[in-house]
Structure formats: C-alpha cells, structure tokens
PDB file of all heavy atoms in Angstrom:
ATOM      1  N   ASP A   1     -49.386-192.075  12.682  1.00  0.00           N
ATOM      2  CA  ASP A   1     -50.138-190.990  13.263  1.00  0.00           C
ATOM      3  C   ASP A   1     -51.587-191.108  13.005  1.00  0.00           C
ATOM      4  O   ASP A   1     -51.914-191.797  12.035  1.00  0.00           O
ATOM      5  CB  ASP A   1     -49.598-189.614  12.655  1.00  0.00           C
ATOM      6  CG  ASP A   1     -49.979-188.370  13.461  1.00  0.00           C
ATOM      7  OD1 ASP A   1     -50.540-188.504  14.592  1.00  0.00           O
ATOM      8  OD2 ASP A   1     -49.828-187.252  12.926  1.00  0.00           O
ATOM      9  N   TYR A   2     -52.403-190.605  13.927  1.00  0.00           N
ATOM     10  CA  TYR A   2     -53.818-190.716  13.831  1.00  0.00           C
ATOM     11  C   TYR A   2     -54.482-189.460  14.197  1.00  0.00           C
ATOM     12  O   TYR A   2     -53.991-188.588  14.965  1.00  0.00           O
ATOM     13  CB  TYR A   2     -54.314-191.795  14.845  1.00  0.00           C
ATOM     14  CG  TYR A   2     -53.803-193.156  14.552  1.00  0.00           C
ATOM     15  CD1 TYR A   2     -52.495-193.568  15.200  1.00  0.00           C
ATOM     16  CD2 TYR A   2     -54.388-194.112  13.754  1.00  0.00           C
ATOM     17  CE1 TYR A   2     -51.999-194.773  15.082  1.00  0.00           C
ATOM     18  CE2 TYR A   2     -53.798-195.399  13.554  1.00  0.00           C
ATOM     19  CZ  TYR A   2     -52.622-195.654  14.179  1.00  0.00           C
ATOM     20  OH  TYR A   2     -52.173-196.973  13.981  1.00  0.00           O
ATOM     21  N   VAL A   3     -55.616-189.150  13.617  1.00  0.00           N
ATOM     22  CA  VAL A   3     -56.448-188.001  14.036  1.00  0.00           C
ATOM     23  C   VAL A   3     -56.988-188.412  15.401  1.00  0.00           C
ATOM     24  O   VAL A   3     -57.180-189.576  15.745  1.00  0.00           O
ATOM     25  CB  VAL A   3     -57.588-187.780  13.053  1.00  0.00           C
ATOM     26  CG1 VAL A   3     -58.588-188.912  13.043  1.00  0.00           C
ATOM     27  CG2 VAL A   3     -58.274-186.448  13.309  1.00  0.00           C
ATOM     28  N   ASP A   4     -57.152-187.487  16.237  1.00  0.00           N
ATOM     29  CA  ASP A   4     -57.446-187.682  17.620  1.00  0.00           C
ATOM     30  C   ASP A   4     -58.762-188.554  17.825  1.00  0.00           C
ATOM     31  O   ASP A   4     -58.891-189.342  18.708  1.00  0.00           O
ATOM     32  CB  ASP A   4     -57.668-186.412  18.465  1.00  0.00           C
ATOM     33  CG  ASP A   4     -56.318-185.702  18.747  1.00  0.00           C
ATOM     34  OD1 ASP A   4     -55.246-186.346  18.608  1.00  0.00           O
ATOM     35  OD2 ASP A   4     -56.329-184.495  19.105  1.00  0.00           O
ATOM     36  N   SER A   5     -59.719-188.300  16.932  1.00  0.00           N
ATOM     37  CA  SER A   5     -60.998-188.901  17.116  1.00  0.00           C
ATOM     38  C   SER A   5     -60.957-190.474  16.864  1.00  0.00           C
ATOM     39  O   SER A   5     -61.894-191.133  17.241  1.00  0.00           O
ATOM     40  CB  SER A   5     -62.057-188.333  16.099  1.00  0.00           C
ATOM     41  OG  SER A   5     -61.512-188.430  14.767  1.00  0.00           O
ATOM     42  N   VAL A   6     -59.857-190.961  16.278  1.00  0.00           N
ATOM     43  CA  VAL A   6     -59.761-192.398  16.101  1.00  0.00           C
ATOM     44  C   VAL A   6     -58.743-193.119  16.868  1.00  0.00           C
ATOM     45  O   VAL A   6     -58.525-194.356  16.839  1.00  0.00           O
ATOM     46  CB  VAL A   6     -59.587-192.774  14.574  1.00  0.00           C
ATOM     47  CG1 VAL A   6     -60.631-191.924  13.701  1.00  0.00           C
ATOM     48  CG2 VAL A   6     -58.234-192.377  14.128  1.00  0.00           C
ATOM     49  N   LYS A   7     -57.875-192.277  17.624  1.00  0.00           N
ATOM     50  CA  LYS A   7     -56.826-192.850  18.417  1.00  0.00           C
ATOM     51  C   LYS A   7     -57.417-193.924  19.381  1.00  0.00           C
ATOM     52  O   LYS A   7     -58.506-193.645  19.919  1.00  0.00           O
ATOM     53  CB  LYS A   7     -56.129-191.852  19.197  1.00  0.00           C
ATOM     54  CG  LYS A   7     -55.145-191.057  18.280  1.00  0.00           C
ATOM     55  CD  LYS A   7     -54.382-190.005  19.061  1.00  0.00           C
ATOM     56  CE  LYS A   7     -53.498-189.254  18.143  1.00  0.00           C
ATOM     57  NZ  LYS A   7     -52.777-188.118  18.812  1.00  0.00           N
ATOM     58  N   ASP A   8     -56.786-195.014  19.652  1.00  0.00           N
ATOM     59  CA  ASP A   8     -57.165-196.107  20.434  1.00  0.00           C
ATOM     60  C   ASP A   8     -58.327-196.940  19.867  1.00  0.00           C
ATOM     61  O   ASP A   8     -58.694-197.937  20.487  1.00  0.00           O
ATOM     62  CB  ASP A   8     -57.570-195.688  21.839  1.00  0.00           C
ATOM     63  CG  ASP A   8     -56.470-194.908  22.508  1.00  0.00           C
ATOM     64  OD1 ASP A   8     -55.262-195.299  22.417  1.00  0.00           O
ATOM     65  OD2 ASP A   8     -56.744-193.987  23.255  1.00  0.00           O
ATOM     66  N   ARG A   9     -58.836-196.658  18.676  1.00  0.00           N
ATOM     67  CA  ARG A   9     -59.842-197.341  17.980  1.00  0.00           C
ATOM     68  C   ARG A   9     -59.377-197.956  16.631  1.00  0.00           C
ATOM     69  O   ARG A   9     -59.759-198.993  16.244  1.00  0.00           O
ATOM     70  CB  ARG A   9     -61.071-196.567  17.812  1.00  0.00           C
ATOM     71  CG  ARG A   9     -61.759-196.098  19.060  1.00  0.00           C
ATOM     72  CD  ARG A   9     -63.095-195.468  18.774  1.00  0.00           C
ATOM     73  NE  ARG A   9     -63.055-194.321  17.922  1.00  0.00           N
ATOM     74  CZ  ARG A   9     -63.743-194.190  16.745  1.00  0.00           C
ATOM     75  NH1 ARG A   9     -64.511-195.149  16.402  1.00  0.00           N
ATOM     76  NH2 ARG A   9     -63.625-193.108  16.071  1.00  0.00           N
ATOM     77  N   PHE A  10     -58.549-197.091  15.957  1.00  0.00           N
ATOM     78  CA  PHE A  10     -58.088-197.504  14.559  1.00  0.00           C
ATOM     79  C   PHE A  10     -56.614-197.842  14.684  1.00  0.00           C
ATOM     80  O   PHE A  10     -55.881-197.187  15.465  1.00  0.00           O
ATOM     81  CB  PHE A  10     -58.305-196.420  13.642  1.00  0.00           C
ATOM     82  CG  PHE A  10     -59.772-196.086  13.216  1.00  0.00           C
ATOM     83  CD1 PHE A  10     -60.789-196.643  13.915  1.00  0.00           C
ATOM     84  CD2 PHE A  10     -60.023-195.230  12.158  1.00  0.00           C
ATOM     85  CE1 PHE A  10     -62.149-196.353  13.606  1.00  0.00           C
ATOM     86  CE2 PHE A  10     -61.315-195.018  11.793  1.00  0.00           C
ATOM     87  CZ  PHE A  10     -62.416-195.496  12.509  1.00  0.00           C
ATOM     88  N   THR A  11     -56.216-198.766  13.767  1.00  0.00           N
ATOM     89  CA  THR A  11     -54.791-199.084  13.708  1.00  0.00           C
ATOM     90  C   THR A  11     -54.368-199.259  12.306  1.00  0.00           C
ATOM     91  O   THR A  11     -55.042-200.037  11.621  1.00  0.00           O
ATOM     92  CB  THR A  11     -54.499-200.474  14.427  1.00  0.00           C
ATOM     93  OG1 THR A  11     -54.864-200.361  15.769  1.00  0.00           O
ATOM     94  CG2 THR A  11     -53.010-200.754  14.421  1.00  0.00           C
ATOM     95  N   ILE A  12     -53.339-198.577  11.884  1.00  0.00           N
ATOM     96  CA  ILE A  12     -52.790-198.687  10.525  1.00  0.00           C
ATOM     97  C   ILE A  12     -51.624-199.672  10.548  1.00  0.00           C
ATOM     98  O   ILE A  12     -50.831-199.672  11.460  1.00  0.00           O
ATOM     99  CB  ILE A  12     -52.328-197.343   9.918  1.00  0.00           C
ATOM    100  CG1 ILE A  12     -51.953-197.477   8.475  1.00  0.00           C
ATOM    101  CG2 ILE A  12     -51.293-196.752  10.757  1.00  0.00           C
ATOM    102  CD1 ILE A  12     -51.806-196.089   7.719  1.00  0.00           C
ATOM    103  N   SER A  13     -51.510-200.496   9.500  1.00  0.00           N
ATOM    104  CA  SER A  13     -50.481-201.502   9.475  1.00  0.00           C
ATOM    105  C   SER A  13     -50.214-201.819   8.010  1.00  0.00           C
ATOM    106  O   SER A  13     -50.908-201.360   7.113  1.00  0.00           O
ATOM    107  CB  SER A  13     -50.798-202.808  10.205  1.00  0.00           C
ATOM    108  OG  SER A  13     -51.932-203.459   9.710  1.00  0.00           O
ATOM    109  N   ARG A  14     -49.144-202.579   7.774  1.00  0.00           N
ATOM    110  CA  ARG A  14     -48.894-202.991   6.373  1.00  0.00           C
ATOM    111  C   ARG A  14     -48.279-204.426   6.264  1.00  0.00           C
ATOM    112  O   ARG A  14     -47.753-204.925   7.224  1.00  0.00           O
ATOM    113  CB  ARG A  14     -47.972-202.003   5.738  1.00  0.00           C
ATOM    114  CG  ARG A  14     -46.552-202.126   6.200  1.00  0.00           C
ATOM    115  CD  ARG A  14     -45.614-201.174   5.413  1.00  0.00           C
ATOM    116  NE  ARG A  14     -44.283-201.556   5.473  1.00  0.00           N
ATOM    117  CZ  ARG A  14     -43.365-200.689   6.048  1.00  0.00           C
ATOM    118  NH1 ARG A  14     -43.744-199.600   6.563  1.00  0.00           N
ATOM    119  NH2 ARG A  14     -42.141-201.105   6.029  1.00  0.00           N
ATOM    120  N   ASP A  15     -48.444-204.910   5.076  1.00  0.00           N
ATOM    121  CA  ASP A  15     -47.829-206.292   4.802  1.00  0.00           C
ATOM    122  C   ASP A  15     -46.889-205.937   3.646  1.00  0.00           C
ATOM    123  O   ASP A  15     -47.313-205.746   2.498  1.00  0.00           O
ATOM    124  CB  ASP A  15     -48.945-207.309   4.449  1.00  0.00           C
ATOM    125  CG  ASP A  15     -48.421-208.651   4.132  1.00  0.00           C
ATOM    126  OD1 ASP A  15     -47.329-208.762   3.666  1.00  0.00           O
ATOM    127  OD2 ASP A  15     -49.127-209.588   4.389  1.00  0.00           O
ATOM    128  N   ASN A  16     -45.596-206.130   3.932  1.00  0.00           N
ATOM    129  CA  ASN A  16     -44.614-205.741   2.941  1.00  0.00           C
ATOM    130  C   ASN A  16     -44.701-206.663   1.742  1.00  0.00           C
ATOM    131  O   ASN A  16     -44.521-206.324   0.570  1.00  0.00           O
ATOM    132  CB  ASN A  16     -43.244-205.804   3.495  1.00  0.00           C
ATOM    133  CG  ASN A  16     -42.927-204.727   4.436  1.00  0.00           C
ATOM    134  OD1 ASN A  16     -43.623-203.629   4.413  1.00  0.00           O
ATOM    135  ND2 ASN A  16     -41.904-204.808   5.276  1.00  0.00           N
ATOM    136  N   ALA A  17     -44.817-207.993   2.036  1.00  0.00           N
ATOM    137  CA  ALA A  17     -44.908-208.998   1.003  1.00  0.00           C
ATOM    138  C   ALA A  17     -46.016-208.730  -0.011  1.00  0.00           C
ATOM    139  O   ALA A  17     -45.945-209.012  -1.208  1.00  0.00           O
ATOM    140  CB  ALA A  17     -45.017-210.378   1.579  1.00  0.00           C
ATOM    141  N   LYS A  18     -47.160-208.281   0.547  1.00  0.00           N
ATOM    142  CA  LYS A  18     -48.335-208.049  -0.316  1.00  0.00           C
ATOM    143  C   LYS A  18     -48.455-206.583  -0.740  1.00  0.00           C
ATOM    144  O   LYS A  18     -49.395-206.213  -1.564  1.00  0.00           O
ATOM    145  CB  LYS A  18     -49.622-208.436   0.421  1.00  0.00           C
ATOM    146  CG  LYS A  18     -49.650-209.876   0.735  1.00  0.00           C
ATOM    147  CD  LYS A  18     -50.999-210.133   1.539  1.00  0.00           C
ATOM    148  CE  LYS A  18     -51.058-211.618   1.856  1.00  0.00           C
ATOM    149  NZ  LYS A  18     -52.309-211.971   2.535  1.00  0.00           N
ATOM    150  N   ASN A  19     -47.447-205.705  -0.391  1.00  0.00           N
ATOM    151  CA  ASN A  19     -47.600-204.283  -0.686  1.00  0.00           C
ATOM    152  C   ASN A  19     -48.947-203.707  -0.381  1.00  0.00           C
ATOM    153  O   ASN A  19     -49.552-202.983  -1.193  1.00  0.00           O
ATOM    154  CB  ASN A  19     -47.293-203.996  -2.226  1.00  0.00           C
ATOM    155  CG  ASN A  19     -46.089-203.167  -2.397  1.00  0.00           C
ATOM    156  OD1 ASN A  19     -45.278-203.003  -1.563  1.00  0.00           O
ATOM    157  ND2 ASN A  19     -45.989-202.574  -3.549  1.00  0.00           N
ATOM    158  N   THR A  20     -49.490-204.157   0.740  1.00  0.00           N
ATOM    159  CA  THR A  20     -50.852-203.778   1.163  1.00  0.00           C
ATOM    160  C   THR A  20     -50.812-202.996   2.480  1.00  0.00           C
ATOM    161  O   THR A  20     -50.089-203.423   3.385  1.00  0.00           O
ATOM    162  CB  THR A  20     -51.703-204.981   1.162  1.00  0.00           C
ATOM    163  OG1 THR A  20     -51.801-205.564  -0.080  1.00  0.00           O
ATOM    164  CG2 THR A  20     -53.097-204.595   1.726  1.00  0.00           C
ATOM    165  N   VAL A  21     -51.610-201.937   2.589  1.00  0.00           N
ATOM    166  CA  VAL A  21     -51.827-201.218   3.847  1.00  0.00           C
ATOM    167  C   VAL A  21     -53.178-201.486   4.299  1.00  0.00           C
ATOM    168  O   VAL A  21     -54.070-201.504   3.586  1.00  0.00           O
ATOM    169  CB  VAL A  21     -51.511-199.704   3.621  1.00  0.00           C
ATOM    170  CG1 VAL A  21     -51.738-198.930   4.913  1.00  0.00           C
ATOM    171  CG2 VAL A  21     -50.157-199.472   3.075  1.00  0.00           C
ATOM    172  N   TYR A  22     -53.288-201.596   5.651  1.00  0.00           N
ATOM    173  CA  TYR A  22     -54.598-201.884   6.279  1.00  0.00           C
ATOM    174  C   TYR A  22     -54.961-200.828   7.238  1.00  0.00           C
ATOM    175  O   TYR A  22     -54.148-200.158   7.828  1.00  0.00           O
ATOM    176  CB  TYR A  22     -54.442-203.282   7.027  1.00  0.00           C
ATOM    177  CG  TYR A  22     -54.121-204.432   6.185  1.00  0.00           C
ATOM    178  CD1 TYR A  22     -52.749-204.895   6.170  1.00  0.00           C
ATOM    179  CD2 TYR A  22     -54.933-205.087   5.404  1.00  0.00           C
ATOM    180  CE1 TYR A  22     -52.357-205.938   5.427  1.00  0.00           C
ATOM    181  CE2 TYR A  22     -54.667-206.153   4.616  1.00  0.00           C
ATOM    182  CZ  TYR A  22     -53.266-206.588   4.640  1.00  0.00           C
ATOM    183  OH  TYR A  22     -52.949-207.645   3.868  1.00  0.00           O
ATOM    184  N   LEU A  23     -56.279-200.673   7.508  1.00  0.00           N
ATOM    185  CA  LEU A  23     -56.835-199.838   8.447  1.00  0.00           C
ATOM    186  C   LEU A  23     -57.850-200.689   9.262  1.00  0.00           C
ATOM    187  O   LEU A  23     -58.849-200.929   8.740  1.00  0.00           O
ATOM    188  CB  LEU A  23     -57.414-198.603   7.928  1.00  0.00           C
ATOM    189  CG  LEU A  23     -57.981-197.602   8.963  1.00  0.00           C
ATOM    190  CD1 LEU A  23     -56.693-196.983   9.799  1.00  0.00           C
ATOM    191  CD2 LEU A  23     -58.677-196.474   8.343  1.00  0.00           C
ATOM    192  N   GLN A  24     -57.404-201.107  10.536  1.00  0.00           N
ATOM    193  CA  GLN A  24     -58.302-201.822  11.318  1.00  0.00           C
ATOM    194  C   GLN A  24     -59.134-200.870  12.151  1.00  0.00           C
ATOM    195  O   GLN A  24     -58.545-200.007  12.840  1.00  0.00           O
ATOM    196  CB  GLN A  24     -57.466-202.776  12.230  1.00  0.00           C
ATOM    197  CG  GLN A  24     -58.314-203.575  13.249  1.00  0.00           C
ATOM    198  CD  GLN A  24     -59.243-204.572  12.626  1.00  0.00           C
ATOM    199  OE1 GLN A  24     -58.824-205.265  11.702  1.00  0.00           O
ATOM    200  NE2 GLN A  24     -60.476-204.663  13.067  1.00  0.00           N
ATOM    201  N   MET A  25     -60.330-200.976  12.041  1.00  0.00           N
ATOM    202  CA  MET A  25     -61.261-199.957  12.695  1.00  0.00           C
ATOM    203  C   MET A  25     -62.158-200.737  13.647  1.00  0.00           C
ATOM    204  O   MET A  25     -62.966-201.593  13.252  1.00  0.00           O
ATOM    205  CB  MET A  25     -62.155-199.249  11.627  1.00  0.00           C
ATOM    206  CG  MET A  25     -61.350-198.616  10.504  1.00  0.00           C
ATOM    207  SD  MET A  25     -62.305-197.638   9.415  1.00  0.00           S
ATOM    208  CE  MET A  25     -63.355-198.772   8.655  1.00  0.00           C
ATOM    209  N   ASN A  26     -61.985-200.440  14.886  1.00  0.00           N
ATOM    210  CA  ASN A  26     -62.748-201.068  15.955  1.00  0.00           C
ATOM    211  C   ASN A  26     -63.568-199.973  16.671  1.00  0.00           C
ATOM    212  O   ASN A  26     -63.443-198.740  16.557  1.00  0.00           O
ATOM    213  CB  ASN A  26     -61.848-201.667  17.055  1.00  0.00           C
ATOM    214  CG  ASN A  26     -60.953-202.750  16.463  1.00  0.00           C
ATOM    215  OD1 ASN A  26     -61.428-203.493  15.492  1.00  0.00           O
ATOM    216  ND2 ASN A  26     -59.802-202.915  16.937  1.00  0.00           N
ATOM    217  N   SER A  27     -64.619-200.504  17.419  1.00  0.00           N
ATOM    218  CA  SER A  27     -65.566-199.592  18.151  1.00  0.00           C
ATOM    219  C   SER A  27     -66.058-198.492  17.274  1.00  0.00           C
ATOM    220  O   SER A  27     -66.044-197.328  17.681  1.00  0.00           O
ATOM    221  CB  SER A  27     -64.802-198.989  19.370  1.00  0.00           C
ATOM    222  OG  SER A  27     -64.267-200.074  20.233  1.00  0.00           O
ATOM    223  N   LEU A  28     -66.539-198.901  16.125  1.00  0.00           N
ATOM    224  CA  LEU A  28     -67.037-197.810  15.136  1.00  0.00           C
ATOM    225  C   LEU A  28     -68.207-197.080  15.643  1.00  0.00           C
ATOM    226  O   LEU A  28     -69.019-197.608  16.407  1.00  0.00           O
ATOM    227  CB  LEU A  28     -67.302-198.531  13.836  1.00  0.00           C
ATOM    228  CG  LEU A  28     -66.113-198.913  12.996  1.00  0.00           C
ATOM    229  CD1 LEU A  28     -66.411-199.927  11.943  1.00  0.00           C
ATOM    230  CD2 LEU A  28     -65.549-197.657  12.295  1.00  0.00           C
TER     231      LEU A  28
END
C-alpha cells in the first residue's frame, strides 16, 4: 500500500535472504 502522493513513484520491496526492506524512490 502507498500514500496517494507517492503512488507510481515509490516502490516497496524486500529481500528475504537479507531480511531487508527497500523503498525505491523515483521522480523525487
């Protein structure tokens, strides 16, 4: 889920092996 203001610009993802969550932020 995303707040409306970042939809289509930000992407949340994760790497299970690294137990790490990412937030890719484009068009800042």
